[in-house]
PDB file of N, CA and C in Angstrom:
ATOM      1  N   MET A   1     141.218 112.600  88.155  1.00  0.00           N
ATOM      2  CA  MET A   1     140.967 111.180  88.036  1.00  0.00           C
ATOM      3  C   MET A   1     139.589 110.989  87.404  1.00  0.00           C
ATOM      4  N   ALA A   2     139.545 110.253  86.332  1.00  0.00           N
ATOM      5  CA  ALA A   2     138.285 110.034  85.619  1.00  0.00           C
ATOM      6  C   ALA A   2     137.512 108.877  86.240  1.00  0.00           C
ATOM      7  N   ARG A   3     136.217 109.033  86.253  1.00  0.00           N
ATOM      8  CA  ARG A   3     135.350 107.949  86.740  1.00  0.00           C
ATOM      9  C   ARG A   3     135.224 106.889  85.665  1.00  0.00           C
ATOM     10  N   SER A   4     135.190 105.650  86.087  1.00  0.00           N
ATOM     11  CA  SER A   4     134.943 104.597  85.108  1.00  0.00           C
ATOM     12  C   SER A   4     133.438 104.533  84.871  1.00  0.00           C
ATOM     13  N   SER A   5     133.065 104.268  83.648  1.00  0.00           N
ATOM     14  CA  SER A   5     131.629 104.179  83.363  1.00  0.00           C
ATOM     15  C   SER A   5     131.289 102.754  82.978  1.00  0.00           C
ATOM     16  N   THR A   6     130.179 102.308  83.497  1.00  0.00           N
ATOM     17  CA  THR A   6     129.674 100.989  83.164  1.00  0.00           C
ATOM     18  C   THR A   6     128.484 101.206  82.260  1.00  0.00           C
ATOM     19  N   GLU A   7     128.524 100.604  81.105  1.00  0.00           N
ATOM     20  CA  GLU A   7     127.428 100.775  80.168  1.00  0.00           C
ATOM     21  C   GLU A   7     126.605  99.499  80.121  1.00  0.00           C
ATOM     22  N   PHE A   8     125.291  99.691  80.059  1.00  0.00           N
ATOM     23  CA  PHE A   8     124.364  98.578  79.967  1.00  0.00           C
ATOM     24  C   PHE A   8     123.651  98.673  78.632  1.00  0.00           C
ATOM     25  N   SER A   9     123.368  97.536  78.048  1.00  0.00           N
ATOM     26  CA  SER A   9     122.528  97.546  76.861  1.00  0.00           C
ATOM     27  C   SER A   9     121.101  97.823  77.322  1.00  0.00           C
ATOM     28  N   ARG A  10     120.275  98.281  76.420  1.00  0.00           N
ATOM     29  CA  ARG A  10     118.874  98.530  76.763  1.00  0.00           C
ATOM     30  C   ARG A  10     118.215  97.246  77.256  1.00  0.00           C
ATOM     31  N   LYS A  11     118.544  96.135  76.600  1.00  0.00           N
ATOM     32  CA  LYS A  11     117.955  94.853  76.990  1.00  0.00           C
ATOM     33  C   LYS A  11     118.349  94.498  78.427  1.00  0.00           C
ATOM     34  N   ALA A  12     119.629  94.671  78.766  1.00  0.00           N
ATOM     35  CA  ALA A  12     120.081  94.364  80.124  1.00  0.00           C
ATOM     36  C   ALA A  12     119.402  95.277  81.141  1.00  0.00           C
ATOM     37  N   ALA A  13     119.263  96.551  80.807  1.00  0.00           N
ATOM     38  CA  ALA A  13     118.614  97.497  81.726  1.00  0.00           C
ATOM     39  C   ALA A  13     117.148  97.118  81.945  1.00  0.00           C
ATOM     40  N   MET A  14     116.470  96.723  80.884  1.00  0.00           N
ATOM     41  CA  MET A  14     115.052  96.377  80.999  1.00  0.00           C
ATOM     42  C   MET A  14     114.841  95.071  81.773  1.00  0.00           C
ATOM     43  N   GLN A  15     115.861  94.233  81.861  1.00  0.00           N
ATOM     44  CA  GLN A  15     115.762  92.982  82.612  1.00  0.00           C
ATOM     45  C   GLN A  15     116.098  93.180  84.088  1.00  0.00           C
ATOM     46  N   GLY A  16     116.638  94.352  84.436  1.00  0.00           N
ATOM     47  CA  GLY A  16     116.994  94.623  85.822  1.00  0.00           C
ATOM     48  C   GLY A  16     115.775  94.594  86.728  1.00  0.00           C
ATOM     49  N   ARG A  17     115.992  94.314  87.987  1.00  0.00           N
ATOM     50  CA  ARG A  17     114.916  94.240  88.978  1.00  0.00           C
ATOM     51  C   ARG A  17     115.235  95.209  90.116  1.00  0.00           C
ATOM     52  N   PRO A  18     114.802  96.476  89.949  1.00  0.00           N
ATOM     53  CA  PRO A  18     115.148  97.493  90.950  1.00  0.00           C
ATOM     54  C   PRO A  18     114.468  97.249  92.290  1.00  0.00           C
ATOM     55  N   MET A  19     115.159  97.683  93.334  1.00  0.00           N
ATOM     56  CA  MET A  19     114.665  97.495  94.684  1.00  0.00           C
ATOM     57  C   MET A  19     114.697  98.837  95.418  1.00  0.00           C
ATOM     58  N   GLN A  20     113.664  99.099  96.193  1.00  0.00           N
ATOM     59  CA  GLN A  20     113.589 100.329  96.975  1.00  0.00           C
ATOM     60  C   GLN A  20     114.650 100.337  98.067  1.00  0.00           C
ATOM     61  N   ILE A  21     115.122 101.535  98.384  1.00  0.00           N
ATOM     62  CA  ILE A  21     115.875 101.712  99.617  1.00  0.00           C
ATOM     63  C   ILE A  21     114.802 101.889 100.681  1.00  0.00           C
ATOM     64  N   PRO A  22     114.836 101.112 101.761  1.00  0.00           N
ATOM     65  CA  PRO A  22     113.772 101.227 102.764  1.00  0.00           C
ATOM     66  C   PRO A  22     113.671 102.665 103.298  1.00  0.00           C
ATOM     67  N   PRO A  23     112.480 103.231 103.305  1.00  0.00           N
ATOM     68  CA  PRO A  23     112.334 104.611 103.770  1.00  0.00           C
ATOM     69  C   PRO A  23     112.460 104.724 105.289  1.00  0.00           C
ATOM     70  N   VAL A  24     113.073 105.824 105.720  1.00  0.00           N
ATOM     71  CA  VAL A  24     113.133 106.158 107.133  1.00  0.00           C
ATOM     72  C   VAL A  24     111.809 106.801 107.529  1.00  0.00           C
ATOM     73  N   LYS A  25     111.270 107.584 106.576  1.00  0.00           N
ATOM     74  CA  LYS A  25     110.013 108.289 106.834  1.00  0.00           C
ATOM     75  C   LYS A  25     109.305 108.500 105.497  1.00  0.00           C
ATOM     76  N   THR A  26     107.980 108.398 105.495  1.00  0.00           N
ATOM     77  CA  THR A  26     107.163 108.653 104.317  1.00  0.00           C
ATOM     78  C   THR A  26     106.045 109.609 104.707  1.00  0.00           C
ATOM     79  N   GLU A  27     105.969 110.724 103.999  1.00  0.00           N
ATOM     80  CA  GLU A  27     104.886 111.692 104.223  1.00  0.00           C
ATOM     81  C   GLU A  27     104.014 111.715 102.974  1.00  0.00           C
ATOM     82  N   THR A  28     102.782 111.274 103.106  1.00  0.00           N
ATOM     83  CA  THR A  28     101.854 111.242 101.978  1.00  0.00           C
ATOM     84  C   THR A  28     101.390 112.647 101.642  1.00  0.00           C
ATOM     85  N   ARG A  29     101.267 112.920 100.352  1.00  0.00           N
ATOM     86  CA  ARG A  29     100.811 114.222  99.856  1.00  0.00           C
ATOM     87  C   ARG A  29      99.395 114.107  99.311  1.00  0.00           C
ATOM     88  N   ASP A  30      98.684 115.221  99.257  1.00  0.00           N
ATOM     89  CA  ASP A  30      97.306 115.240  98.759  1.00  0.00           C
ATOM     90  C   ASP A  30      97.204 114.876  97.279  1.00  0.00           C
ATOM     91  N   ASN A  31      98.270 115.109  96.512  1.00  0.00           N
ATOM     92  CA  ASN A  31      98.233 114.864  95.075  1.00  0.00           C
ATOM     93  C   ASN A  31      98.502 113.405  94.698  1.00  0.00           C
ATOM     94  N   GLY A  32      98.556 112.517  95.692  1.00  0.00           N
ATOM     95  CA  GLY A  32      98.830 111.106  95.417  1.00  0.00           C
ATOM     96  C   GLY A  32     100.305 110.773  95.491  1.00  0.00           C
ATOM     97  N   GLY A  33     101.131 111.769  95.693  1.00  0.00           N
ATOM     98  CA  GLY A  33     102.565 111.555  95.808  1.00  0.00           C
ATOM     99  C   GLY A  33     102.985 111.442  97.258  1.00  0.00           C
ATOM    100  N   ALA A  34     104.280 111.557  97.475  1.00  0.00           N
ATOM    101  CA  ALA A  34     104.799 111.462  98.838  1.00  0.00           C
ATOM    102  C   ALA A  34     106.192 112.068  98.900  1.00  0.00           C
ATOM    103  N   LEU A  35     106.608 112.392 100.104  1.00  0.00           N
ATOM    104  CA  LEU A  35     107.975 112.785 100.380  1.00  0.00           C
ATOM    105  C   LEU A  35     108.607 111.583 101.072  1.00  0.00           C
ATOM    106  N   ILE A  36     109.571 110.963 100.412  1.00  0.00           N
ATOM    107  CA  ILE A  36     110.219 109.759 100.907  1.00  0.00           C
ATOM    108  C   ILE A  36     111.597 110.149 101.443  1.00  0.00           C
ATOM    109  N   THR A  37     111.879 109.803 102.682  1.00  0.00           N
ATOM    110  CA  THR A  37     113.197 110.062 103.270  1.00  0.00           C
ATOM    111  C   THR A  37     113.901 108.730 103.460  1.00  0.00           C
ATOM    112  N   VAL A  38     115.135 108.650 102.931  1.00  0.00           N
ATOM    113  CA  VAL A  38     115.918 107.418 103.009  1.00  0.00           C
ATOM    114  C   VAL A  38     117.276 107.716 103.634  1.00  0.00           C
ATOM    115  N   MET A  39     117.906 106.679 104.155  1.00  0.00           N
ATOM    116  CA  MET A  39     119.247 106.781 104.728  1.00  0.00           C
ATOM    117  C   MET A  39     120.237 106.258 103.688  1.00  0.00           C
ATOM    118  N   LEU A  40     121.252 107.062 103.386  1.00  0.00           N
ATOM    119  CA  LEU A  40     122.260 106.694 102.390  1.00  0.00           C
ATOM    120  C   LEU A  40     123.661 106.772 102.993  1.00  0.00           C
ATOM    121  N   ASP A  41     124.582 106.004 102.417  1.00  0.00           N
ATOM    122  CA  ASP A  41     125.978 106.122 102.805  1.00  0.00           C
ATOM    123  C   ASP A  41     126.522 107.443 102.257  1.00  0.00           C
ATOM    124  N   SER A  42     127.311 108.125 103.054  1.00  0.00           N
ATOM    125  CA  SER A  42     127.957 109.357 102.599  1.00  0.00           C
ATOM    126  C   SER A  42     129.033 109.011 101.581  1.00  0.00           C
ATOM    127  N   PRO A  43     129.346 109.961 100.691  1.00  0.00           N
ATOM    128  CA  PRO A  43     130.475 109.731  99.783  1.00  0.00           C
ATOM    129  C   PRO A  43     131.763 109.494 100.586  1.00  0.00           C
ATOM    130  N   ARG A  44     132.673 108.774  99.995  1.00  0.00           N
ATOM    131  CA  ARG A  44     133.934 108.435 100.669  1.00  0.00           C
ATOM    132  C   ARG A  44     134.693 109.680 101.127  1.00  0.00           C
ATOM    133  N   TRP A  45     134.694 110.715 100.286  1.00  0.00           N
ATOM    134  CA  TRP A  45     135.453 111.916 100.641  1.00  0.00           C
ATOM    135  C   TRP A  45     134.875 112.592 101.884  1.00  0.00           C
ATOM    136  N   VAL A  46     133.556 112.510 102.093  1.00  0.00           N
ATOM    137  CA  VAL A  46     132.942 113.103 103.281  1.00  0.00           C
ATOM    138  C   VAL A  46     133.400 112.347 104.523  1.00  0.00           C
ATOM    139  N   ARG A  47     133.418 111.037 104.428  1.00  0.00           N
ATOM    140  CA  ARG A  47     133.881 110.226 105.564  1.00  0.00           C
ATOM    141  C   ARG A  47     135.365 110.471 105.827  1.00  0.00           C
ATOM    142  N   PHE A  48     136.148 110.667 104.765  1.00  0.00           N
ATOM    143  CA  PHE A  48     137.587 110.898 104.890  1.00  0.00           C
ATOM    144  C   PHE A  48     137.888 112.158 105.699  1.00  0.00           C
ATOM    145  N   ILE A  49     137.070 113.204 105.520  1.00  0.00           N
ATOM    146  CA  ILE A  49     137.319 114.458 106.247  1.00  0.00           C
ATOM    147  C   ILE A  49     136.576 114.497 107.586  1.00  0.00           C
ATOM    148  N   GLY A  50     136.043 113.356 108.011  1.00  0.00           N
ATOM    149  CA  GLY A  50     135.433 113.265 109.330  1.00  0.00           C
ATOM    150  C   GLY A  50     133.932 113.453 109.366  1.00  0.00           C
ATOM    151  N   GLY A  51     133.280 113.465 108.210  1.00  0.00           N
ATOM    152  CA  GLY A  51     131.827 113.619 108.165  1.00  0.00           C
ATOM    153  C   GLY A  51     131.103 112.344 108.561  1.00  0.00           C
ATOM    154  N   LYS A  52     129.819 112.453 108.666  1.00  0.00           N
ATOM    155  CA  LYS A  52     128.985 111.306 109.045  1.00  0.00           C
ATOM    156  C   LYS A  52     129.051 110.228 107.974  1.00  0.00           C
ATOM    157  N   SER A  53     128.962 108.980 108.417  1.00  0.00           N
ATOM    158  CA  SER A  53     129.017 107.871 107.464  1.00  0.00           C
ATOM    159  C   SER A  53     127.679 107.651 106.766  1.00  0.00           C
ATOM    160  N   LYS A  54     126.596 108.106 107.390  1.00  0.00           N
ATOM    161  CA  LYS A  54     125.259 107.979 106.795  1.00  0.00           C
ATOM    162  C   LYS A  54     124.563 109.327 106.837  1.00  0.00           C
ATOM    163  N   VAL A  55     123.764 109.595 105.812  1.00  0.00           N
ATOM    164  CA  VAL A  55     122.993 110.835 105.747  1.00  0.00           C
ATOM    165  C   VAL A  55     121.570 110.521 105.299  1.00  0.00           C
ATOM    166  N   GLN A  56     120.642 111.374 105.712  1.00  0.00           N
ATOM    167  CA  GLN A  56     119.255 111.240 105.251  1.00  0.00           C
ATOM    168  C   GLN A  56     119.057 112.139 104.040  1.00  0.00           C
ATOM    169  N   ARG A  57     118.332 111.614 103.055  1.00  0.00           N
ATOM    170  CA  ARG A  57     117.978 112.391 101.868  1.00  0.00           C
ATOM    171  C   ARG A  57     116.481 112.226 101.632  1.00  0.00           C
ATOM    172  N   SER A  58     115.817 113.324 101.304  1.00  0.00           N
ATOM    173  CA  SER A  58     114.381 113.293 101.028  1.00  0.00           C
ATOM    174  C   SER A  58     114.148 113.512  99.545  1.00  0.00           C
ATOM    175  N   HIS A  59     113.187 112.790  99.004  1.00  0.00           N
ATOM    176  CA  HIS A  59     112.849 112.868  97.586  1.00  0.00           C
ATOM    177  C   HIS A  59     111.343 113.047  97.456  1.00  0.00           C
ATOM    178  N   GLY A  60     110.930 114.104  96.784  1.00  0.00           N
ATOM    179  CA  GLY A  60     109.513 114.346  96.543  1.00  0.00           C
ATOM    180  C   GLY A  60     109.073 113.611  95.287  1.00  0.00           C
ATOM    181  N   LEU A  61     108.069 112.775  95.414  1.00  0.00           N
ATOM    182  CA  LEU A  61     107.550 112.011  94.281  1.00  0.00           C
ATOM    183  C   LEU A  61     106.102 112.413  94.019  1.00  0.00           C
ATOM    184  N   ASP A  62     105.764 112.568  92.741  1.00  0.00           N
ATOM    185  CA  ASP A  62     104.364 112.796  92.398  1.00  0.00           C
ATOM    186  C   ASP A  62     103.662 111.452  92.289  1.00  0.00           C
ATOM    187  N   ARG A  63     102.421 111.449  91.849  1.00  0.00           N
ATOM    188  CA  ARG A  63     101.638 110.210  91.742  1.00  0.00           C
ATOM    189  C   ARG A  63     102.348 109.188  90.856  1.00  0.00           C
ATOM    190  N   CYS A  64     102.878 109.642  89.725  1.00  0.00           N
ATOM    191  CA  CYS A  64     103.564 108.726  88.802  1.00  0.00           C
ATOM    192  C   CYS A  64     104.840 108.179  89.428  1.00  0.00           C
ATOM    193  N   GLY A  65     105.583 109.032  90.118  1.00  0.00           N
ATOM    194  CA  GLY A  65     106.799 108.588  90.788  1.00  0.00           C
ATOM    195  C   GLY A  65     106.502 107.542  91.850  1.00  0.00           C
ATOM    196  N   MET A  66     105.385 107.727  92.554  1.00  0.00           N
ATOM    197  CA  MET A  66     104.995 106.743  93.568  1.00  0.00           C
ATOM    198  C   MET A  66     104.642 105.403  92.941  1.00  0.00           C
ATOM    199  N   GLN A  67     103.992 105.433  91.769  1.00  0.00           N
ATOM    200  CA  GLN A  67     103.674 104.169  91.090  1.00  0.00           C
ATOM    201  C   GLN A  67     104.950 103.396  90.802  1.00  0.00           C
ATOM    202  N   VAL A  68     105.946 104.093  90.296  1.00  0.00           N
ATOM    203  CA  VAL A  68     107.214 103.440  89.956  1.00  0.00           C
ATOM    204  C   VAL A  68     107.934 102.996  91.229  1.00  0.00           C
ATOM    205  N   TYR A  69     108.010 103.868  92.222  1.00  0.00           N
ATOM    206  CA  TYR A  69     108.696 103.546  93.485  1.00  0.00           C
ATOM    207  C   TYR A  69     108.088 102.299  94.131  1.00  0.00           C
ATOM    208  N   GLU A  70     106.779 102.239  94.181  1.00  0.00           N
ATOM    209  CA  GLU A  70     106.116 101.097  94.809  1.00  0.00           C
ATOM    210  C   GLU A  70     106.322  99.805  94.024  1.00  0.00           C
ATOM    211  N   ALA A  71     106.555  99.915  92.727  1.00  0.00           N
ATOM    212  CA  ALA A  71     106.773  98.729  91.895  1.00  0.00           C
ATOM    213  C   ALA A  71     108.194  98.175  92.044  1.00  0.00           C
ATOM    214  N   CYS A  72     109.095  98.958  92.611  1.00  0.00           N
ATOM    215  CA  CYS A  72     110.489  98.525  92.767  1.00  0.00           C
ATOM    216  C   CYS A  72     110.610  97.615  93.981  1.00  0.00           C
ATOM    217  N   ASP A  73     110.255  96.353  93.770  1.00  0.00           N
ATOM    218  CA  ASP A  73     110.221  95.382  94.868  1.00  0.00           C
ATOM    219  C   ASP A  73     111.360  94.376  94.815  1.00  0.00           C
ATOM    220  N   GLY A  74     112.264  94.519  93.857  1.00  0.00           N
ATOM    221  CA  GLY A  74     113.370  93.574  93.720  1.00  0.00           C
ATOM    222  C   GLY A  74     112.997  92.309  92.980  1.00  0.00           C
ATOM    223  N   LYS A  75     111.717  92.157  92.640  1.00  0.00           N
ATOM    224  CA  LYS A  75     111.237  90.967  91.934  1.00  0.00           C
ATOM    225  C   LYS A  75     110.735  91.306  90.537  1.00  0.00           C
ATOM    226  N   THR A  76     110.211  92.513  90.377  1.00  0.00           N
ATOM    227  CA  THR A  76     109.602  92.928  89.112  1.00  0.00           C
ATOM    228  C   THR A  76     110.649  93.596  88.225  1.00  0.00           C
ATOM    229  N   SER A  77     110.727  93.152  86.960  1.00  0.00           N
ATOM    230  CA  SER A  77     111.709  93.721  86.036  1.00  0.00           C
ATOM    231  C   SER A  77     111.298  95.127  85.607  1.00  0.00           C
ATOM    232  N   VAL A  78     112.274  95.890  85.148  1.00  0.00           N
ATOM    233  CA  VAL A  78     112.003  97.238  84.629  1.00  0.00           C
ATOM    234  C   VAL A  78     110.998  97.141  83.487  1.00  0.00           C
ATOM    235  N   HIS A  79     111.160  96.132  82.648  1.00  0.00           N
ATOM    236  CA  HIS A  79     110.230  95.939  81.522  1.00  0.00           C
ATOM    237  C   HIS A  79     108.788  95.828  82.024  1.00  0.00           C
ATOM    238  N   ARG A  80     108.564  95.020  83.056  1.00  0.00           N
ATOM    239  CA  ARG A  80     107.205  94.858  83.604  1.00  0.00           C
ATOM    240  C   ARG A  80     106.716  96.141  84.273  1.00  0.00           C
ATOM    241  N   ILE A  81     107.608  96.864  84.943  1.00  0.00           N
ATOM    242  CA  ILE A  81     107.222  98.128  85.575  1.00  0.00           C
ATOM    243  C   ILE A  81     106.775  99.127  84.522  1.00  0.00           C
ATOM    244  N   VAL A  82     107.549  99.233  83.436  1.00  0.00           N
ATOM    245  CA  VAL A  82     107.199 100.154  82.348  1.00  0.00           C
ATOM    246  C   VAL A  82     105.871  99.753  81.725  1.00  0.00           C
ATOM    247  N   LYS A  83     105.698  98.467  81.489  1.00  0.00           N
ATOM    248  CA  LYS A  83     104.463  97.987  80.874  1.00  0.00           C
ATOM    249  C   LYS A  83     103.246  98.282  81.764  1.00  0.00           C
ATOM    250  N   ARG A  84     103.355  98.005  83.060  1.00  0.00           N
ATOM    251  CA  ARG A  84     102.252  98.265  83.999  1.00  0.00           C
ATOM    252  C   ARG A  84     101.975  99.767  84.086  1.00  0.00           C
ATOM    253  N   PHE A  85     103.042 100.569  84.134  1.00  0.00           N
ATOM    254  CA  PHE A  85     102.887 102.018  84.192  1.00  0.00           C
ATOM    255  C   PHE A  85     102.151 102.518  82.942  1.00  0.00           C
ATOM    256  N   ALA A  86     102.530 101.995  81.785  1.00  0.00           N
ATOM    257  CA  ALA A  86     101.906 102.410  80.528  1.00  0.00           C
ATOM    258  C   ALA A  86     100.423 102.064  80.512  1.00  0.00           C
ATOM    259  N   VAL A  87     100.088 100.863  80.933  1.00  0.00           N
ATOM    260  CA  VAL A  87      98.685 100.434  80.955  1.00  0.00           C
ATOM    261  C   VAL A  87      97.893 101.298  81.937  1.00  0.00           C
ATOM    262  N   ASP A  88      98.430 101.494  83.133  1.00  0.00           N
ATOM    263  CA  ASP A  88      97.732 102.273  84.164  1.00  0.00           C
ATOM    264  C   ASP A  88      97.529 103.730  83.772  1.00  0.00           C
ATOM    265  N   ASN A  89      98.407 104.251  82.906  1.00  0.00           N
ATOM    266  CA  ASN A  89      98.351 105.669  82.549  1.00  0.00           C
ATOM    267  C   ASN A  89      97.956 105.921  81.095  1.00  0.00           C
ATOM    268  N   GLY A  90      97.478 104.885  80.419  1.00  0.00           N
ATOM    269  CA  GLY A  90      96.956 105.036  79.065  1.00  0.00           C
ATOM    270  C   GLY A  90      97.986 105.407  78.014  1.00  0.00           C
ATOM    271  N   LEU A  91      99.210 104.905  78.149  1.00  0.00           N
ATOM    272  CA  LEU A  91     100.250 105.176  77.159  1.00  0.00           C
ATOM    273  C   LEU A  91     100.219 104.101  76.079  1.00  0.00           C
ATOM    274  N   GLY A  92     100.414 104.505  74.845  1.00  0.00           N
ATOM    275  CA  GLY A  92     100.438 103.567  73.735  1.00  0.00           C
ATOM    276  C   GLY A  92     101.792 102.894  73.589  1.00  0.00           C
ATOM    277  N   PRO A  93     101.911 101.935  72.654  1.00  0.00           N
ATOM    278  CA  PRO A  93     103.166 101.192  72.472  1.00  0.00           C
ATOM    279  C   PRO A  93     104.377 102.077  72.195  1.00  0.00           C
ATOM    280  N   ALA A  94     104.223 103.094  71.351  1.00  0.00           N
ATOM    281  CA  ALA A  94     105.361 103.973  71.046  1.00  0.00           C
ATOM    282  C   ALA A  94     105.769 104.764  72.288  1.00  0.00           C
ATOM    283  N   GLU A  95     104.801 105.213  73.051  1.00  0.00           N
ATOM    284  CA  GLU A  95     105.105 105.963  74.270  1.00  0.00           C
ATOM    285  C   GLU A  95     105.763 105.058  75.309  1.00  0.00           C
ATOM    286  N   ARG A  96     105.412 103.786  75.323  1.00  0.00           N
ATOM    287  CA  ARG A  96     106.050 102.854  76.257  1.00  0.00           C
ATOM    288  C   ARG A  96     107.533 102.754  75.960  1.00  0.00           C
ATOM    289  N   ARG A  97     107.875 102.725  74.664  1.00  0.00           N
ATOM    290  CA  ARG A  97     109.280 102.610  74.295  1.00  0.00           C
ATOM    291  C   ARG A  97     110.022 103.912  74.531  1.00  0.00           C
ATOM    292  N   ASN A  98     109.424 105.015  74.209  1.00  0.00           N
ATOM    293  CA  ASN A  98     110.128 106.295  74.231  1.00  0.00           C
ATOM    294  C   ASN A  98     109.686 107.231  75.339  1.00  0.00           C
ATOM    295  N   TRP A  99     108.589 106.942  75.977  1.00  0.00           N
ATOM    296  CA  TRP A  99     108.001 107.771  77.025  1.00  0.00           C
ATOM    297  C   TRP A  99     107.698 109.167  76.479  1.00  0.00           C
ATOM    298  N   ARG A 100     107.550 109.253  75.190  1.00  0.00           N
ATOM    299  CA  ARG A 100     107.281 110.558  74.613  1.00  0.00           C
ATOM    300  C   ARG A 100     106.522 110.371  73.298  1.00  0.00           C
ATOM    301  N   SER A 101     105.532 111.185  73.071  1.00  0.00           N
ATOM    302  CA  SER A 101     104.859 111.207  71.781  1.00  0.00           C
ATOM    303  C   SER A 101     104.927 112.632  71.255  1.00  0.00           C
ATOM    304  N   ALA A 102     104.594 112.813  70.021  1.00  0.00           N
ATOM    305  CA  ALA A 102     104.650 114.156  69.428  1.00  0.00           C
ATOM    306  C   ALA A 102     103.812 115.128  70.242  1.00  0.00           C
ATOM    307  N   GLY A 103     104.411 116.232  70.620  1.00  0.00           N
ATOM    308  CA  GLY A 103     103.692 117.257  71.361  1.00  0.00           C
ATOM    309  C   GLY A 103     103.612 117.015  72.852  1.00  0.00           C
ATOM    310  N   SER A 104     104.174 115.919  73.337  1.00  0.00           N
ATOM    311  CA  SER A 104     104.111 115.625  74.770  1.00  0.00           C
ATOM    312  C   SER A 104     105.225 116.363  75.498  1.00  0.00           C
ATOM    313  N   SER A 105     104.937 116.761  76.715  1.00  0.00           N
ATOM    314  CA  SER A 105     105.969 117.432  77.521  1.00  0.00           C
ATOM    315  C   SER A 105     106.671 116.451  78.450  1.00  0.00           C
ATOM    316  N   ARG A 106     106.341 115.172  78.360  1.00  0.00           N
ATOM    317  CA  ARG A 106     107.001 114.181  79.202  1.00  0.00           C
ATOM    318  C   ARG A 106     108.453 114.017  78.765  1.00  0.00           C
ATOM    319  N   PRO A 107     109.355 113.755  79.699  1.00  0.00           N
ATOM    320  CA  PRO A 107     110.753 113.539  79.318  1.00  0.00           C
ATOM    321  C   PRO A 107     110.909 112.220  78.568  1.00  0.00           C
ATOM    322  N   SER A 108     111.909 112.141  77.721  1.00  0.00           N
ATOM    323  CA  SER A 108     112.152 110.907  76.982  1.00  0.00           C
ATOM    324  C   SER A 108     113.054 110.001  77.809  1.00  0.00           C
ATOM    325  N   TRP A 109     113.024 108.711  77.499  1.00  0.00           N
ATOM    326  CA  TRP A 109     113.925 107.763  78.136  1.00  0.00           C
ATOM    327  C   TRP A 109     115.328 108.045  77.640  1.00  0.00           C
ATOM    328  N   PRO A 110     116.340 107.766  78.427  1.00  0.00           N
ATOM    329  CA  PRO A 110     117.722 107.910  77.936  1.00  0.00           C
ATOM    330  C   PRO A 110     117.939 106.971  76.758  1.00  0.00           C
ATOM    331  N   LYS A 111     118.714 107.429  75.791  1.00  0.00           N
ATOM    332  CA  LYS A 111     118.975 106.591  74.612  1.00  0.00           C
ATOM    333  C   LYS A 111     119.924 105.467  74.963  1.00  0.00           C
ATOM    334  N   ALA A 112     119.606 104.288  74.412  1.00  0.00           N
ATOM    335  CA  ALA A 112     120.439 103.112  74.706  1.00  0.00           C
ATOM    336  C   ALA A 112     121.539 102.985  73.684  1.00  0.00           C
TER     337      ALA A 112
END
């Protein structure tokens, strides 16, 4: 059975207003990052075979990941988050669009 895919235009994605999943636990790291533990619904197949309906998952974030995570307040658009991140981290206009400049080891944004 194939999964259905929902495609968003770049413009629609940039207008989105992401929201954090409330953390169950947050452990601050010395590097400015944190280990964030959240509660998630289990996949349907896990519940079908008698597994737990909710599971905890931990995600390690570096300083940059924390900047983005903290900006996901459900009110701020992705466009504004990217713009603030770029200003705070000294990225130029081309890097804001592509998250990559010549010779950079940063990952690129997914192509729209």
